[in-house]
Amino acid sequence: MKKLSLFVLLCLPFLLAAQSGKVLETRTVKSAILKMDRKYAVYLPAGYDESDISYPVLYLLHGSGDDHTGWVQFGQVQHIADKAIAKGKAGPMIVVMPDANTGVKGYFNDIQGNFNYEDFFFKELIPHIEKTYRVRSDRHYRAISGLSMGGGGTLFYTLHHPEIFAAAAPLSASTGSWEYEQFVARLKNINAKINDEQIQAYFNRHNIEQLLKNASADDLKKIKEVRWYISCGDDDFLYEGNSLLHIAFRKSEIPHEYRIKDGGHTWTYWRMELPLVMEFVSKSFMQY
């Protein structure tokens, strides 16, 4: 019995390792749209290399000041994903973490079309991921989440392309400008040459109320078909925008989960939320 126990003890690290996924921290994709190579990190679940199974995918966006390594280093994505999957809280999935902090910071297209990151994301990054990894390409197996600036990316990407995602989980989201005058002042401060017509068009595309107001009946139907999980800490400085997002969704009768929890704009909060996000999107992947 002692010999058997010793054998199990000696083998335990190898057994645990065999159940672990892996993170490829820095991979690149060539972008003709952005005229540069773009970096991303990717989490592959345990068993990926030993099977021919295709997996659902979660695009996980970092916040301002971080890059594609933020969720790896500070968010502990490998540990949290391995644990959530091993416990059966989430199904095996691939997690893609793109870099939006090279050249120009942010997930949206430039107002003058000089740096179109959003176009890159949909036209180049997603096709690259689906060509390079065993990813299920149907929208029912594609989800998106992110924190702060990445929460804003999550929110507007899904509102712009609701046919692309089964689930969206903006965390502590930067929800953009709610007042047109503030929006104009901010953009004019950045670039005084921007004209009023450009500003109005950009505002209509990056203001939640305008997006919902101008959405066609078909687009609004698709937005309502997305499973939404919105979360923000009660001490987060972005609490007001997230509250207004909740109200705007309620007024438009968009089903969503809205969670205000103890916490601030911190990695402690986002690490707490990540396993819940993975559980939430997994239910979408399994046709919950």
C-alpha atoms as a PDB file:
ATOM      1  CA  MET A   1       0.000   0.000   0.000  1.00  0.00           C
ATOM      2  CA  LYS A   2       2.858   2.391   0.863  1.00  0.00           C
ATOM      3  CA  LYS A   3       4.539   1.634  -2.474  1.00  0.00           C
ATOM      4  CA  LEU A   4       1.254   2.352  -4.292  1.00  0.00           C
ATOM      5  CA  SER A   5       0.790   5.629  -2.419  1.00  0.00           C
ATOM      6  CA  LEU A   6       4.365   6.649  -3.223  1.00  0.00           C
ATOM      7  CA  PHE A   7       3.784   5.795  -6.889  1.00  0.00           C
ATOM      8  CA  VAL A   8       0.636   7.940  -7.004  1.00  0.00           C
ATOM      9  CA  LEU A   9       2.433  10.781  -5.252  1.00  0.00           C
ATOM     10  CA  LEU A  10       5.324  10.650  -7.703  1.00  0.00           C
ATOM     11  CA  CYS A  11       2.963  10.534 -10.680  1.00  0.00           C
ATOM     12  CA  LEU A  12       0.663  13.297  -9.435  1.00  0.00           C
ATOM     13  CA  PRO A  13       2.589  16.196 -11.041  1.00  0.00           C
ATOM     14  CA  PHE A  14       2.516  14.403 -14.397  1.00  0.00           C
ATOM     15  CA  LEU A  15      -1.208  13.612 -14.038  1.00  0.00           C
ATOM     16  CA  LEU A  16      -1.959  17.240 -13.231  1.00  0.00           C
ATOM     17  CA  ALA A  17       0.189  18.445 -16.115  1.00  0.00           C
ATOM     18  CA  ALA A  18      -1.663  16.117 -18.473  1.00  0.00           C
ATOM     19  CA  GLN A  19      -4.930  17.828 -17.478  1.00  0.00           C
ATOM     20  CA  SER A  20      -3.575  21.323 -18.049  1.00  0.00           C
ATOM     21  CA  GLY A  21      -4.071  23.468 -21.064  1.00  0.00           C
ATOM     22  CA  LYS A  22      -1.329  25.671 -22.408  1.00  0.00           C
ATOM     23  CA  VAL A  23      -0.834  29.284 -23.362  1.00  0.00           C
ATOM     24  CA  LEU A  24       1.067  30.368 -26.454  1.00  0.00           C
ATOM     25  CA  GLU A  25       1.871  33.858 -25.252  1.00  0.00           C
ATOM     26  CA  THR A  26       3.005  35.586 -28.412  1.00  0.00           C
ATOM     27  CA  ARG A  27       1.766  34.632 -31.856  1.00  0.00           C
ATOM     28  CA  THR A  28       1.508  36.950 -34.842  1.00  0.00           C
ATOM     29  CA  VAL A  29      -0.808  37.536 -37.767  1.00  0.00           C
ATOM     30  CA  LYS A  30       0.066  39.671 -40.784  1.00  0.00           C
ATOM     31  CA  SER A  31      -2.393  42.507 -41.323  1.00  0.00           C
ATOM     32  CA  ALA A  32      -2.760  44.115 -44.715  1.00  0.00           C
ATOM     33  CA  ILE A  33      -5.382  46.453 -43.233  1.00  0.00           C
ATOM     34  CA  LEU A  34      -3.065  47.790 -40.512  1.00  0.00           C
ATOM     35  CA  LYS A  35       0.106  47.300 -42.586  1.00  0.00           C
ATOM     36  CA  MET A  36       1.942  45.487 -39.784  1.00  0.00           C
ATOM     37  CA  ASP A  37       2.195  42.221 -37.892  1.00  0.00           C
ATOM     38  CA  ARG A  38      -0.190  41.997 -34.951  1.00  0.00           C
ATOM     39  CA  LYS A  39       0.396  39.949 -31.818  1.00  0.00           C
ATOM     40  CA  TYR A  40      -2.011  37.780 -29.874  1.00  0.00           C
ATOM     41  CA  ALA A  41      -1.911  35.127 -27.145  1.00  0.00           C
ATOM     42  CA  VAL A  42      -3.964  31.941 -27.242  1.00  0.00           C
ATOM     43  CA  TYR A  43      -5.045  29.419 -24.619  1.00  0.00           C
ATOM     44  CA  LEU A  44      -5.472  25.846 -25.859  1.00  0.00           C
ATOM     45  CA  PRO A  45      -7.384  23.460 -23.565  1.00  0.00           C
ATOM     46  CA  ALA A  46      -5.993  20.198 -22.226  1.00  0.00           C
ATOM     47  CA  GLY A  47      -5.987  17.492 -24.866  1.00  0.00           C
ATOM     48  CA  TYR A  48      -5.824  19.883 -27.804  1.00  0.00           C
ATOM     49  CA  ASP A  49      -2.615  18.346 -29.204  1.00  0.00           C
ATOM     50  CA  GLU A  50      -3.806  14.762 -28.677  1.00  0.00           C
ATOM     51  CA  SER A  51      -7.133  15.036 -30.493  1.00  0.00           C
ATOM     52  CA  ASP A  52      -8.737  16.278 -33.684  1.00  0.00           C
ATOM     53  CA  ILE A  53     -11.666  17.903 -31.872  1.00  0.00           C
ATOM     54  CA  SER A  54     -12.758  21.384 -32.922  1.00  0.00           C
ATOM     55  CA  TYR A  55     -13.476  23.808 -30.084  1.00  0.00           C
ATOM     56  CA  PRO A  56     -15.620  26.862 -29.375  1.00  0.00           C
ATOM     57  CA  VAL A  57     -13.688  30.106 -29.062  1.00  0.00           C
ATOM     58  CA  LEU A  58     -13.772  33.020 -26.639  1.00  0.00           C
ATOM     59  CA  TYR A  59     -12.155  36.284 -27.737  1.00  0.00           C
ATOM     60  CA  LEU A  60     -10.881  37.946 -24.559  1.00  0.00           C
ATOM     61  CA  LEU A  61      -9.938  41.626 -24.836  1.00  0.00           C
ATOM     62  CA  HIS A  62      -7.498  43.469 -22.574  1.00  0.00           C
ATOM     63  CA  GLY A  63      -7.868  46.964 -21.121  1.00  0.00           C
ATOM     64  CA  SER A  64      -6.054  50.240 -21.707  1.00  0.00           C
ATOM     65  CA  GLY A  65      -2.371  50.101 -20.800  1.00  0.00           C
ATOM     66  CA  ASP A  66      -2.115  46.336 -21.276  1.00  0.00           C
ATOM     67  CA  ASP A  67      -1.500  44.205 -24.334  1.00  0.00           C
ATOM     68  CA  HIS A  68      -2.119  40.598 -25.388  1.00  0.00           C
ATOM     69  CA  THR A  69      -0.210  39.367 -22.319  1.00  0.00           C
ATOM     70  CA  GLY A  70      -2.450  41.145 -19.795  1.00  0.00           C
ATOM     71  CA  TRP A  71      -4.933  38.305 -19.332  1.00  0.00           C
ATOM     72  CA  VAL A  72      -2.043  35.829 -19.310  1.00  0.00           C
ATOM     73  CA  GLN A  73       0.091  37.520 -16.664  1.00  0.00           C
ATOM     74  CA  PHE A  74      -2.370  39.439 -14.493  1.00  0.00           C
ATOM     75  CA  GLY A  75      -5.579  37.597 -15.340  1.00  0.00           C
ATOM     76  CA  GLN A  76      -4.092  34.103 -14.789  1.00  0.00           C
ATOM     77  CA  VAL A  77      -6.116  32.835 -17.723  1.00  0.00           C
ATOM     78  CA  GLN A  78      -4.428  29.428 -17.900  1.00  0.00           C
ATOM     79  CA  HIS A  79      -4.967  28.594 -14.224  1.00  0.00           C
ATOM     80  CA  ILE A  80      -8.549  29.901 -14.188  1.00  0.00           C
ATOM     81  CA  ALA A  81      -9.538  28.218 -17.457  1.00  0.00           C
ATOM     82  CA  ASP A  82      -7.967  24.880 -16.467  1.00  0.00           C
ATOM     83  CA  LYS A  83      -9.779  24.956 -13.132  1.00  0.00           C
ATOM     84  CA  ALA A  84     -13.162  25.950 -14.593  1.00  0.00           C
ATOM     85  CA  ILE A  85     -12.949  23.214 -17.233  1.00  0.00           C
ATOM     86  CA  ALA A  86     -11.678  20.545 -14.818  1.00  0.00           C
ATOM     87  CA  LYS A  87     -14.539  21.274 -12.408  1.00  0.00           C
ATOM     88  CA  GLY A  88     -17.099  21.062 -15.202  1.00  0.00           C
ATOM     89  CA  LYS A  89     -18.134  24.699 -14.744  1.00  0.00           C
ATOM     90  CA  ALA A  90     -17.079  25.458 -18.327  1.00  0.00           C
ATOM     91  CA  GLY A  91     -16.600  23.341 -21.397  1.00  0.00           C
ATOM     92  CA  PRO A  92     -13.227  23.111 -23.154  1.00  0.00           C
ATOM     93  CA  MET A  93     -12.656  26.144 -25.339  1.00  0.00           C
ATOM     94  CA  ILE A  94      -9.939  28.110 -27.073  1.00  0.00           C
ATOM     95  CA  VAL A  95      -9.319  31.605 -25.703  1.00  0.00           C
ATOM     96  CA  VAL A  96      -7.814  34.235 -28.010  1.00  0.00           C
ATOM     97  CA  MET A  97      -6.313  37.406 -26.536  1.00  0.00           C
ATOM     98  CA  PRO A  98      -5.415  39.984 -29.209  1.00  0.00           C
ATOM     99  CA  ASP A  99      -3.103  42.977 -28.803  1.00  0.00           C
ATOM    100  CA  ALA A 100      -4.780  46.371 -29.205  1.00  0.00           C
ATOM    101  CA  ASN A 101      -1.904  48.462 -27.873  1.00  0.00           C
ATOM    102  CA  THR A 102       0.548  48.672 -30.757  1.00  0.00           C
ATOM    103  CA  GLY A 103       0.734  51.682 -33.052  1.00  0.00           C
ATOM    104  CA  VAL A 104      -2.645  53.086 -32.018  1.00  0.00           C
ATOM    105  CA  LYS A 105      -4.356  52.086 -28.762  1.00  0.00           C
ATOM    106  CA  GLY A 106      -7.928  50.846 -28.994  1.00  0.00           C
ATOM    107  CA  TYR A 107     -10.299  48.416 -30.690  1.00  0.00           C
ATOM    108  CA  PHE A 108     -12.193  50.751 -33.030  1.00  0.00           C
ATOM    109  CA  ASN A 109     -11.580  52.127 -36.484  1.00  0.00           C
ATOM    110  CA  ASP A 110      -9.975  55.557 -36.621  1.00  0.00           C
ATOM    111  CA  ILE A 111     -12.481  58.325 -37.338  1.00  0.00           C
ATOM    112  CA  GLN A 112     -10.573  59.290 -40.497  1.00  0.00           C
ATOM    113  CA  GLY A 113      -9.874  55.712 -41.562  1.00  0.00           C
ATOM    114  CA  ASN A 114      -6.143  55.824 -40.913  1.00  0.00           C
ATOM    115  CA  PHE A 115      -6.008  52.844 -38.523  1.00  0.00           C
ATOM    116  CA  ASN A 116      -8.951  50.461 -38.817  1.00  0.00           C
ATOM    117  CA  TYR A 117      -8.512  47.969 -35.983  1.00  0.00           C
ATOM    118  CA  GLU A 118     -12.139  46.845 -35.976  1.00  0.00           C
ATOM    119  CA  ASP A 119     -11.887  45.916 -39.658  1.00  0.00           C
ATOM    120  CA  PHE A 120      -8.704  43.991 -38.879  1.00  0.00           C
ATOM    121  CA  PHE A 121     -10.408  42.078 -36.066  1.00  0.00           C
ATOM    122  CA  PHE A 122     -13.313  40.838 -38.177  1.00  0.00           C
ATOM    123  CA  LYS A 123     -11.719  40.560 -41.613  1.00  0.00           C
ATOM    124  CA  GLU A 124      -8.259  39.262 -40.691  1.00  0.00           C
ATOM    125  CA  LEU A 125      -7.908  38.097 -37.079  1.00  0.00           C
ATOM    126  CA  ILE A 126     -11.013  35.886 -36.864  1.00  0.00           C
ATOM    127  CA  PRO A 127     -10.299  34.207 -40.247  1.00  0.00           C
ATOM    128  CA  HIS A 128      -6.671  33.687 -39.181  1.00  0.00           C
ATOM    129  CA  ILE A 129      -7.712  32.026 -35.913  1.00  0.00           C
ATOM    130  CA  GLU A 130     -10.217  29.781 -37.680  1.00  0.00           C
ATOM    131  CA  LYS A 131      -7.599  28.772 -40.253  1.00  0.00           C
ATOM    132  CA  THR A 132      -4.761  28.226 -37.755  1.00  0.00           C
ATOM    133  CA  TYR A 133      -6.566  26.444 -34.888  1.00  0.00           C
ATOM    134  CA  ARG A 134      -9.322  23.862 -34.698  1.00  0.00           C
ATOM    135  CA  VAL A 135     -12.085  26.360 -34.044  1.00  0.00           C
ATOM    136  CA  ARG A 136     -15.767  25.856 -34.724  1.00  0.00           C
ATOM    137  CA  SER A 137     -16.671  28.676 -37.093  1.00  0.00           C
ATOM    138  CA  ASP A 138     -20.431  28.803 -36.539  1.00  0.00           C
ATOM    139  CA  ARG A 139     -21.576  31.836 -34.499  1.00  0.00           C
ATOM    140  CA  HIS A 140     -23.119  29.503 -31.911  1.00  0.00           C
ATOM    141  CA  TYR A 141     -19.559  28.602 -30.865  1.00  0.00           C
ATOM    142  CA  ARG A 142     -18.079  32.104 -30.789  1.00  0.00           C
ATOM    143  CA  ALA A 143     -18.153  34.475 -27.804  1.00  0.00           C
ATOM    144  CA  ILE A 144     -16.428  37.675 -26.737  1.00  0.00           C
ATOM    145  CA  SER A 145     -15.518  39.277 -23.421  1.00  0.00           C
ATOM    146  CA  GLY A 146     -13.141  41.916 -22.145  1.00  0.00           C
ATOM    147  CA  LEU A 147     -12.394  44.372 -19.387  1.00  0.00           C
ATOM    148  CA  SER A 148     -12.551  48.181 -19.332  1.00  0.00           C
ATOM    149  CA  MET A 149     -11.425  49.317 -22.815  1.00  0.00           C
ATOM    150  CA  GLY A 150     -11.822  45.677 -23.838  1.00  0.00           C
ATOM    151  CA  GLY A 151     -15.283  45.698 -22.285  1.00  0.00           C
ATOM    152  CA  GLY A 152     -16.093  48.581 -24.611  1.00  0.00           C
ATOM    153  CA  GLY A 153     -14.686  46.591 -27.510  1.00  0.00           C
ATOM    154  CA  THR A 154     -16.852  43.648 -26.472  1.00  0.00           C
ATOM    155  CA  LEU A 155     -19.945  45.825 -26.258  1.00  0.00           C
ATOM    156  CA  PHE A 156     -19.616  47.683 -29.552  1.00  0.00           C
ATOM    157  CA  TYR A 157     -18.252  44.762 -31.553  1.00  0.00           C
ATOM    158  CA  THR A 158     -21.347  42.798 -30.601  1.00  0.00           C
ATOM    159  CA  LEU A 159     -23.716  45.688 -31.280  1.00  0.00           C
ATOM    160  CA  HIS A 160     -22.043  46.250 -34.662  1.00  0.00           C
ATOM    161  CA  HIS A 161     -21.994  42.536 -35.570  1.00  0.00           C
ATOM    162  CA  PRO A 162     -24.602  40.667 -33.486  1.00  0.00           C
ATOM    163  CA  GLU A 163     -24.673  37.917 -36.104  1.00  0.00           C
ATOM    164  CA  ILE A 164     -21.068  37.014 -35.234  1.00  0.00           C
ATOM    165  CA  PHE A 165     -21.358  36.168 -31.515  1.00  0.00           C
ATOM    166  CA  ALA A 166     -23.507  33.827 -29.459  1.00  0.00           C
ATOM    167  CA  ALA A 167     -22.572  35.524 -26.180  1.00  0.00           C
ATOM    168  CA  ALA A 168     -20.966  38.754 -25.010  1.00  0.00           C
ATOM    169  CA  ALA A 169     -19.655  39.571 -21.540  1.00  0.00           C
ATOM    170  CA  PRO A 170     -18.402  43.147 -21.089  1.00  0.00           C
ATOM    171  CA  LEU A 171     -16.680  43.592 -17.706  1.00  0.00           C
ATOM    172  CA  SER A 172     -16.272  47.051 -16.142  1.00  0.00           C
ATOM    173  CA  ALA A 173     -16.905  48.309 -19.653  1.00  0.00           C
ATOM    174  CA  SER A 174     -15.901  51.672 -21.029  1.00  0.00           C
ATOM    175  CA  THR A 175     -19.281  52.480 -22.575  1.00  0.00           C
ATOM    176  CA  GLY A 176     -18.247  55.543 -24.586  1.00  0.00           C
ATOM    177  CA  SER A 177     -19.708  59.033 -24.566  1.00  0.00           C
ATOM    178  CA  TRP A 178     -23.374  59.428 -23.718  1.00  0.00           C
ATOM    179  CA  GLU A 179     -23.572  63.171 -24.496  1.00  0.00           C
ATOM    180  CA  TYR A 180     -22.909  64.471 -28.010  1.00  0.00           C
ATOM    181  CA  GLU A 181     -21.331  67.742 -26.835  1.00  0.00           C
ATOM    182  CA  GLN A 182     -18.764  65.901 -24.712  1.00  0.00           C
ATOM    183  CA  PHE A 183     -18.028  63.610 -27.647  1.00  0.00           C
ATOM    184  CA  VAL A 184     -17.436  66.572 -29.972  1.00  0.00           C
ATOM    185  CA  ALA A 185     -15.169  68.339 -27.485  1.00  0.00           C
ATOM    186  CA  ARG A 186     -13.059  65.217 -26.954  1.00  0.00           C
ATOM    187  CA  LEU A 187     -12.596  64.504 -30.650  1.00  0.00           C
ATOM    188  CA  LYS A 188     -11.895  68.131 -31.568  1.00  0.00           C
ATOM    189  CA  ASN A 189      -9.276  68.211 -28.838  1.00  0.00           C
ATOM    190  CA  ILE A 190      -7.575  65.207 -30.441  1.00  0.00           C
ATOM    191  CA  ASN A 191      -7.860  66.440 -34.016  1.00  0.00           C
ATOM    192  CA  ALA A 192      -9.241  69.900 -34.808  1.00  0.00           C
ATOM    193  CA  LYS A 193      -9.467  69.038 -38.526  1.00  0.00           C
ATOM    194  CA  ILE A 194     -12.304  66.546 -38.005  1.00  0.00           C
ATOM    195  CA  ASN A 195     -15.504  67.943 -39.503  1.00  0.00           C
ATOM    196  CA  ASP A 196     -19.002  67.853 -38.019  1.00  0.00           C
ATOM    197  CA  GLU A 197     -20.280  65.263 -40.481  1.00  0.00           C
ATOM    198  CA  GLN A 198     -17.488  62.833 -39.543  1.00  0.00           C
ATOM    199  CA  ILE A 199     -18.149  63.399 -35.839  1.00  0.00           C
ATOM    200  CA  GLN A 200     -21.892  62.793 -36.164  1.00  0.00           C
ATOM    201  CA  ALA A 201     -21.376  59.563 -38.108  1.00  0.00           C
ATOM    202  CA  TYR A 202     -18.775  58.342 -35.614  1.00  0.00           C
ATOM    203  CA  PHE A 203     -20.998  59.254 -32.673  1.00  0.00           C
ATOM    204  CA  ASN A 204     -23.934  57.357 -34.167  1.00  0.00           C
ATOM    205  CA  ARG A 205     -21.733  54.272 -34.430  1.00  0.00           C
ATOM    206  CA  HIS A 206     -20.207  54.563 -30.946  1.00  0.00           C
ATOM    207  CA  ASN A 207     -23.119  55.723 -28.843  1.00  0.00           C
ATOM    208  CA  ILE A 208     -25.268  52.962 -27.383  1.00  0.00           C
ATOM    209  CA  GLU A 209     -28.557  54.880 -27.486  1.00  0.00           C
ATOM    210  CA  GLN A 210     -28.033  55.937 -31.116  1.00  0.00           C
ATOM    211  CA  LEU A 211     -27.051  52.411 -32.137  1.00  0.00           C
ATOM    212  CA  LEU A 212     -30.194  50.949 -30.607  1.00  0.00           C
ATOM    213  CA  LYS A 213     -32.377  53.761 -31.930  1.00  0.00           C
ATOM    214  CA  ASN A 214     -31.060  53.374 -35.490  1.00  0.00           C
ATOM    215  CA  ALA A 215     -30.925  49.573 -35.520  1.00  0.00           C
ATOM    216  CA  SER A 216     -33.179  47.864 -38.029  1.00  0.00           C
ATOM    217  CA  ALA A 217     -35.790  45.435 -36.763  1.00  0.00           C
ATOM    218  CA  ASP A 218     -33.631  42.572 -38.018  1.00  0.00           C
ATOM    219  CA  ASP A 219     -30.479  43.867 -36.303  1.00  0.00           C
ATOM    220  CA  LEU A 220     -32.342  44.474 -33.046  1.00  0.00           C
ATOM    221  CA  LYS A 221     -33.659  40.929 -33.219  1.00  0.00           C
ATOM    222  CA  LYS A 222     -30.091  39.628 -33.614  1.00  0.00           C
ATOM    223  CA  ILE A 223     -28.880  41.779 -30.691  1.00  0.00           C
ATOM    224  CA  LYS A 224     -31.616  40.250 -28.536  1.00  0.00           C
ATOM    225  CA  GLU A 225     -30.541  36.757 -29.570  1.00  0.00           C
ATOM    226  CA  VAL A 226     -27.058  37.326 -28.100  1.00  0.00           C
ATOM    227  CA  ARG A 227     -26.689  36.129 -24.500  1.00  0.00           C
ATOM    228  CA  TRP A 228     -25.439  39.174 -22.570  1.00  0.00           C
ATOM    229  CA  TYR A 229     -23.567  39.184 -19.250  1.00  0.00           C
ATOM    230  CA  ILE A 230     -22.732  42.677 -17.961  1.00  0.00           C
ATOM    231  CA  SER A 231     -20.731  43.052 -14.753  1.00  0.00           C
ATOM    232  CA  CYS A 232     -19.225  46.015 -12.891  1.00  0.00           C
ATOM    233  CA  GLY A 233     -17.886  46.569  -9.388  1.00  0.00           C
ATOM    234  CA  ASP A 234     -19.771  48.844  -7.018  1.00  0.00           C
ATOM    235  CA  ASP A 235     -16.597  50.885  -6.463  1.00  0.00           C
ATOM    236  CA  ASP A 236     -15.675  51.048 -10.152  1.00  0.00           C
ATOM    237  CA  PHE A 237     -15.292  54.554 -11.584  1.00  0.00           C
ATOM    238  CA  LEU A 238     -17.141  53.356 -14.713  1.00  0.00           C
ATOM    239  CA  TYR A 239     -20.280  52.488 -12.698  1.00  0.00           C
ATOM    240  CA  GLU A 240     -22.413  55.225 -14.286  1.00  0.00           C
ATOM    241  CA  GLY A 241     -21.866  54.131 -17.884  1.00  0.00           C
ATOM    242  CA  ASN A 242     -22.605  50.514 -16.990  1.00  0.00           C
ATOM    243  CA  SER A 243     -25.777  51.567 -15.178  1.00  0.00           C
ATOM    244  CA  LEU A 244     -26.886  53.559 -18.233  1.00  0.00           C
ATOM    245  CA  LEU A 245     -26.086  50.551 -20.424  1.00  0.00           C
ATOM    246  CA  HIS A 246     -28.376  48.421 -18.267  1.00  0.00           C
ATOM    247  CA  ILE A 247     -31.141  51.023 -18.511  1.00  0.00           C
ATOM    248  CA  ALA A 248     -30.746  51.362 -22.294  1.00  0.00           C
ATOM    249  CA  PHE A 249     -30.952  47.593 -22.703  1.00  0.00           C
ATOM    250  CA  ARG A 250     -34.028  47.439 -20.473  1.00  0.00           C
ATOM    251  CA  LYS A 251     -35.745  50.162 -22.502  1.00  0.00           C
ATOM    252  CA  SER A 252     -34.993  48.285 -25.726  1.00  0.00           C
ATOM    253  CA  GLU A 253     -36.123  45.002 -24.131  1.00  0.00           C
ATOM    254  CA  ILE A 254     -32.762  43.331 -24.705  1.00  0.00           C
ATOM    255  CA  PRO A 255     -32.449  40.310 -22.365  1.00  0.00           C
ATOM    256  CA  HIS A 256     -29.266  40.466 -20.303  1.00  0.00           C
ATOM    257  CA  GLU A 257     -27.708  39.525 -16.998  1.00  0.00           C
ATOM    258  CA  TYR A 258     -26.635  42.623 -15.071  1.00  0.00           C
ATOM    259  CA  ARG A 259     -24.391  42.156 -12.052  1.00  0.00           C
ATOM    260  CA  ILE A 260     -23.102  44.766  -9.611  1.00  0.00           C
ATOM    261  CA  LYS A 261     -20.709  43.179  -7.131  1.00  0.00           C
ATOM    262  CA  ASP A 262     -18.303  44.242  -4.426  1.00  0.00           C
ATOM    263  CA  GLY A 263     -15.116  45.483  -6.044  1.00  0.00           C
ATOM    264  CA  GLY A 264     -13.385  48.149  -8.072  1.00  0.00           C
ATOM    265  CA  HIS A 265     -11.598  48.550 -11.374  1.00  0.00           C
ATOM    266  CA  THR A 266      -9.041  45.898 -10.485  1.00  0.00           C
ATOM    267  CA  TRP A 267      -7.584  42.580 -11.593  1.00  0.00           C
ATOM    268  CA  THR A 268      -8.953  41.082  -8.369  1.00  0.00           C
ATOM    269  CA  TYR A 269     -12.452  41.759  -9.702  1.00  0.00           C
ATOM    270  CA  TRP A 270     -11.742  40.530 -13.235  1.00  0.00           C
ATOM    271  CA  ARG A 271     -10.043  37.321 -12.046  1.00  0.00           C
ATOM    272  CA  MET A 272     -13.157  36.664  -9.963  1.00  0.00           C
ATOM    273  CA  GLU A 273     -15.371  37.205 -13.000  1.00  0.00           C
ATOM    274  CA  LEU A 274     -13.448  35.179 -15.596  1.00  0.00           C
ATOM    275  CA  PRO A 275     -14.641  31.714 -14.464  1.00  0.00           C
ATOM    276  CA  LEU A 276     -18.207  33.032 -14.359  1.00  0.00           C
ATOM    277  CA  VAL A 277     -17.804  34.400 -17.875  1.00  0.00           C
ATOM    278  CA  MET A 278     -16.488  31.041 -19.077  1.00  0.00           C
ATOM    279  CA  GLU A 279     -19.425  29.267 -17.449  1.00  0.00           C
ATOM    280  CA  PHE A 280     -21.859  31.745 -18.989  1.00  0.00           C
ATOM    281  CA  VAL A 281     -20.535  31.473 -22.552  1.00  0.00           C
ATOM    282  CA  SER A 282     -20.268  27.680 -22.263  1.00  0.00           C
ATOM    283  CA  LYS A 283     -24.026  27.526 -21.827  1.00  0.00           C
ATOM    284  CA  SER A 284     -24.340  29.375 -25.122  1.00  0.00           C
ATOM    285  CA  PHE A 285     -22.003  26.918 -26.809  1.00  0.00           C
ATOM    286  CA  MET A 286     -24.091  24.030 -25.487  1.00  0.00           C
ATOM    287  CA  GLN A 287     -27.361  25.593 -26.728  1.00  0.00           C
ATOM    288  CA  TYR A 288     -28.506  26.291 -23.166  1.00  0.00           C
END
